[in-house]
Amino acid sequence: MTRRPTHVAIPLLAEPAAVRQGARQGATAVMRTDWPDPDDLRPSAARTARRIQGWRTYCPLRRMLANPHTGIAAAHIHAADKLRELYDLARFGYSAALDPQAVHVAPAPRAGLSPAEMARAGAARALSRALAGYTLDEALLLAAVVLSNHSVSVWARVASERTGKRCTVKAERIRLIGLLDRLARHFDAEIDHEVRAGWRLSL
């Protein structure tokens, strides 16, 4: 019986590049979409908030959500967004607050970690907990689709070349949905709280 690792480190991705609207997918691609207006909270507003049309980072899961036959649900996208946020915070951290009155002084001992450094460390721990139990191949699938924004068809082609075995798009999509189900269950309480508090927009 193969033992599952208790922790899988997602391979580091390339540094963020400038957005290229010509790219069809990947970390630098964008897509035309719409989302609820977070400022449409007036008492006289319609039953559903008005929607904003614009551009956003390409997300293969949101593309799949438009087709009910893919099996992708809103819970999967919320879980994927949560994983992206933790990964970005754990890797890049928060920007330091700008203080116009700051002056340069000689280096001196600090009392401890800054709030931004503590948030980054906390995100790294939360990311490790979220990925606990995933095999390396499962983590690579999540990284390719969720973090690198590649389609399942691209993943299937790359996986076939890497393993020497034929990986079909249908089989890999079913496997991805299973992984996202597990991720959604892991983040369920946090996401529900964030949606109710208005910190995360409903889809």
Protein backbone atom coordinates (compact mmCIF):
# COMPACT_ATOMS: atom_id res chain seq x y z
CA MET A 1 0.00 0.00 0.00
CA THR A 2 1.40 3.39 -0.98
CA ARG A 3 1.71 5.85 1.89
CA ARG A 4 0.35 9.30 1.28
CA PRO A 5 2.71 12.13 2.19
CA THR A 6 1.65 14.36 5.05
CA HIS A 7 2.89 17.40 3.18
CA VAL A 8 3.43 18.17 -0.49
CA ALA A 9 5.30 21.28 -1.54
CA ILE A 10 3.86 22.88 -4.67
CA PRO A 11 6.68 23.63 -7.11
CA LEU A 12 7.54 27.31 -7.38
CA LEU A 13 6.12 29.00 -10.43
CA ALA A 14 7.70 31.60 -12.64
CA GLU A 15 7.74 35.16 -11.38
CA PRO A 16 4.69 37.27 -12.35
CA ALA A 17 5.00 38.61 -15.88
CA ALA A 18 3.30 41.51 -17.61
CA VAL A 19 -0.27 40.77 -18.73
CA ARG A 20 -0.52 39.78 -22.38
CA GLN A 21 -4.06 39.87 -23.73
CA GLY A 22 -2.98 37.69 -26.64
CA ALA A 23 -2.27 34.73 -24.34
CA ARG A 24 -5.16 32.26 -24.29
CA GLN A 25 -4.28 30.67 -20.96
CA GLY A 26 -1.57 30.60 -18.35
CA ALA A 27 -0.37 33.03 -15.68
CA THR A 28 -0.27 36.05 -18.02
CA ALA A 29 -3.60 35.54 -19.82
CA VAL A 30 -6.80 37.47 -19.18
CA MET A 31 -10.44 36.73 -19.91
CA ARG A 32 -13.59 38.78 -20.44
CA THR A 33 -16.08 38.19 -17.62
CA ASP A 34 -18.46 39.83 -15.15
CA TRP A 35 -18.85 39.84 -11.38
CA PRO A 36 -21.25 41.24 -8.74
CA ASP A 37 -20.72 44.89 -7.88
CA PRO A 38 -19.56 44.90 -4.22
CA ASP A 39 -20.80 48.49 -3.79
CA ASP A 40 -24.40 47.70 -4.84
CA LEU A 41 -25.65 47.36 -1.27
CA ARG A 42 -28.37 50.03 -1.24
CA PRO A 43 -31.66 49.11 0.52
CA SER A 44 -33.50 49.90 -2.71
CA ALA A 45 -31.26 47.64 -4.80
CA ALA A 46 -32.73 44.85 -6.86
CA ARG A 47 -32.91 41.31 -5.49
CA THR A 48 -29.55 40.59 -7.09
CA ALA A 49 -26.65 43.06 -7.24
CA ARG A 50 -25.81 44.60 -10.58
CA ARG A 51 -22.88 43.01 -12.38
CA ILE A 52 -19.71 44.65 -13.67
CA GLN A 53 -18.30 43.77 -17.07
CA GLY A 54 -14.53 43.73 -17.37
CA TRP A 55 -11.32 41.75 -17.63
CA ARG A 56 -9.76 39.44 -15.05
CA THR A 57 -6.95 36.92 -14.84
CA TYR A 58 -7.77 33.87 -16.94
CA CYS A 59 -9.34 31.13 -14.81
CA PRO A 60 -10.02 27.76 -16.47
CA LEU A 61 -12.44 26.82 -13.68
CA ARG A 62 -14.60 29.87 -14.36
CA ARG A 63 -14.59 28.95 -18.05
CA MET A 64 -15.74 25.46 -17.12
CA LEU A 65 -18.44 26.80 -14.76
CA ALA A 66 -20.27 28.22 -17.77
CA ASN A 67 -20.78 24.66 -19.04
CA PRO A 68 -22.92 22.58 -16.61
CA HIS A 69 -21.65 19.35 -18.16
CA THR A 70 -18.13 19.89 -16.79
CA GLY A 71 -19.18 19.29 -13.18
CA ILE A 72 -17.47 22.43 -11.87
CA ALA A 73 -19.47 24.22 -9.16
CA ALA A 74 -19.18 27.56 -7.37
CA ALA A 75 -17.79 25.78 -4.28
CA HIS A 76 -14.88 24.49 -6.36
CA ILE A 77 -14.00 28.01 -7.55
CA HIS A 78 -14.20 29.46 -4.04
CA ALA A 79 -11.85 26.72 -2.80
CA ALA A 80 -9.46 27.33 -5.71
CA ASP A 81 -9.47 31.08 -5.02
CA LYS A 82 -8.69 30.38 -1.35
CA LEU A 83 -5.75 28.18 -2.33
CA ARG A 84 -4.46 30.88 -4.71
CA GLU A 85 -4.67 33.51 -1.97
CA LEU A 86 -2.76 31.37 0.53
CA TYR A 87 -0.12 30.49 -2.05
CA ASP A 88 0.39 34.12 -3.08
CA LEU A 89 0.57 35.32 0.53
CA ALA A 90 2.91 32.51 1.59
CA ARG A 91 5.26 33.13 -1.34
CA PHE A 92 5.14 36.88 -1.90
CA GLY A 93 3.76 38.25 1.38
CA TYR A 94 2.09 41.60 1.92
CA SER A 95 3.54 44.92 0.82
CA ALA A 96 4.97 46.99 3.64
CA ALA A 97 2.92 49.97 4.76
CA LEU A 98 4.16 53.28 3.41
CA ASP A 99 5.12 55.85 6.04
CA PRO A 100 5.87 59.32 4.58
CA GLN A 101 7.47 60.31 7.89
CA ALA A 102 9.85 57.37 7.96
CA VAL A 103 13.53 58.21 8.31
CA HIS A 104 16.55 55.99 7.72
CA VAL A 105 18.25 54.90 10.91
CA ALA A 106 21.06 52.53 11.72
CA PRO A 107 20.07 48.84 11.85
CA ALA A 108 18.87 47.79 15.28
CA PRO A 109 17.45 44.61 16.87
CA ARG A 110 13.73 44.11 16.36
CA ALA A 111 11.24 43.03 18.97
CA GLY A 112 9.96 40.29 16.71
CA LEU A 113 8.28 39.53 13.40
CA SER A 114 6.24 42.28 11.76
CA PRO A 115 2.48 41.74 11.26
CA ALA A 116 3.13 41.18 7.53
CA GLU A 117 5.76 38.52 8.28
CA MET A 118 3.45 36.81 10.76
CA ALA A 119 0.63 36.79 8.17
CA ARG A 120 2.99 35.24 5.62
CA ALA A 121 4.09 32.53 8.06
CA GLY A 122 0.46 31.83 8.97
CA ALA A 123 -0.46 31.49 5.29
CA ALA A 124 2.41 29.02 4.79
CA ARG A 125 1.09 26.86 7.65
CA ALA A 126 -2.49 27.06 6.32
CA LEU A 127 -1.26 26.09 2.85
CA SER A 128 0.55 23.06 4.26
CA ARG A 129 -2.60 21.96 6.10
CA ALA A 130 -4.74 22.39 2.97
CA LEU A 131 -2.37 20.19 0.92
CA ALA A 132 -1.78 17.54 3.57
CA GLY A 133 -2.66 14.10 2.19
CA TYR A 134 -2.33 15.01 -1.49
CA THR A 135 0.16 12.98 -3.50
CA LEU A 136 2.79 14.74 -5.59
CA ASP A 137 0.87 14.03 -8.80
CA GLU A 138 -2.34 15.41 -7.29
CA ALA A 139 -0.52 18.55 -6.12
CA LEU A 140 0.95 18.99 -9.60
CA LEU A 141 -2.54 18.80 -11.11
CA LEU A 142 -3.84 21.44 -8.69
CA ALA A 143 -0.79 23.62 -9.36
CA ALA A 144 -1.21 23.39 -13.14
CA VAL A 145 -4.92 24.27 -13.23
CA VAL A 146 -5.48 26.34 -10.09
CA LEU A 147 -2.16 28.19 -9.71
CA SER A 148 -0.77 28.30 -13.25
CA ASN A 149 -4.20 28.74 -14.92
CA HIS A 150 -3.71 26.02 -17.53
CA SER A 151 -6.64 24.10 -18.99
CA VAL A 152 -7.24 20.45 -18.21
CA SER A 153 -6.42 19.59 -21.83
CA VAL A 154 -2.96 21.16 -21.47
CA TRP A 155 -2.42 19.26 -18.22
CA ALA A 156 -3.50 15.98 -19.83
CA ARG A 157 -1.05 16.47 -22.69
CA VAL A 158 1.85 17.37 -20.40
CA ALA A 159 1.04 14.50 -18.02
CA SER A 160 0.97 12.04 -20.93
CA GLU A 161 4.40 13.21 -22.05
CA ARG A 162 5.77 13.12 -18.50
CA THR A 163 4.48 9.67 -17.55
CA GLY A 164 4.48 7.98 -20.94
CA LYS A 165 0.86 6.93 -20.32
CA ARG A 166 -2.18 8.26 -22.17
CA CYS A 167 -4.08 10.69 -19.96
CA THR A 168 -7.50 11.67 -21.33
CA VAL A 169 -9.09 15.06 -20.70
CA LYS A 170 -12.27 13.44 -19.35
CA ALA A 171 -10.43 11.28 -16.83
CA GLU A 172 -8.24 14.16 -15.65
CA ARG A 173 -11.25 16.46 -15.33
CA ILE A 174 -13.02 13.89 -13.14
CA ARG A 175 -9.86 13.56 -11.04
CA LEU A 176 -9.59 17.35 -10.74
CA ILE A 177 -13.19 17.61 -9.54
CA GLY A 178 -12.45 15.01 -6.86
CA LEU A 179 -9.45 17.03 -5.67
CA LEU A 180 -11.50 20.24 -5.64
CA ASP A 181 -14.25 18.48 -3.66
CA ARG A 182 -11.69 17.67 -0.97
CA LEU A 183 -10.35 21.23 -1.06
CA ALA A 184 -13.87 22.67 -0.78
CA ARG A 185 -14.60 20.51 2.27
CA HIS A 186 -11.37 21.67 3.88
CA PHE A 187 -12.19 25.37 3.39
CA ASP A 188 -15.97 25.05 3.81
CA ALA A 189 -16.34 26.83 7.18
CA GLU A 190 -13.92 29.65 6.29
CA ILE A 191 -15.49 30.31 2.89
CA ASP A 192 -19.03 30.26 4.29
CA HIS A 193 -18.04 32.82 6.93
CA GLU A 194 -16.30 35.06 4.36
CA VAL A 195 -19.28 34.99 1.99
CA ARG A 196 -21.74 35.79 4.80
CA ALA A 197 -19.53 38.65 6.03
CA GLY A 198 -19.27 40.08 2.52
CA TRP A 199 -15.50 39.55 2.34
CA ARG A 200 -15.86 37.15 -0.59
CA LEU A 201 -18.23 37.75 -3.49
CA SER A 202 -20.75 35.02 -4.26
CA LEU A 203 -20.62 33.67 -7.79
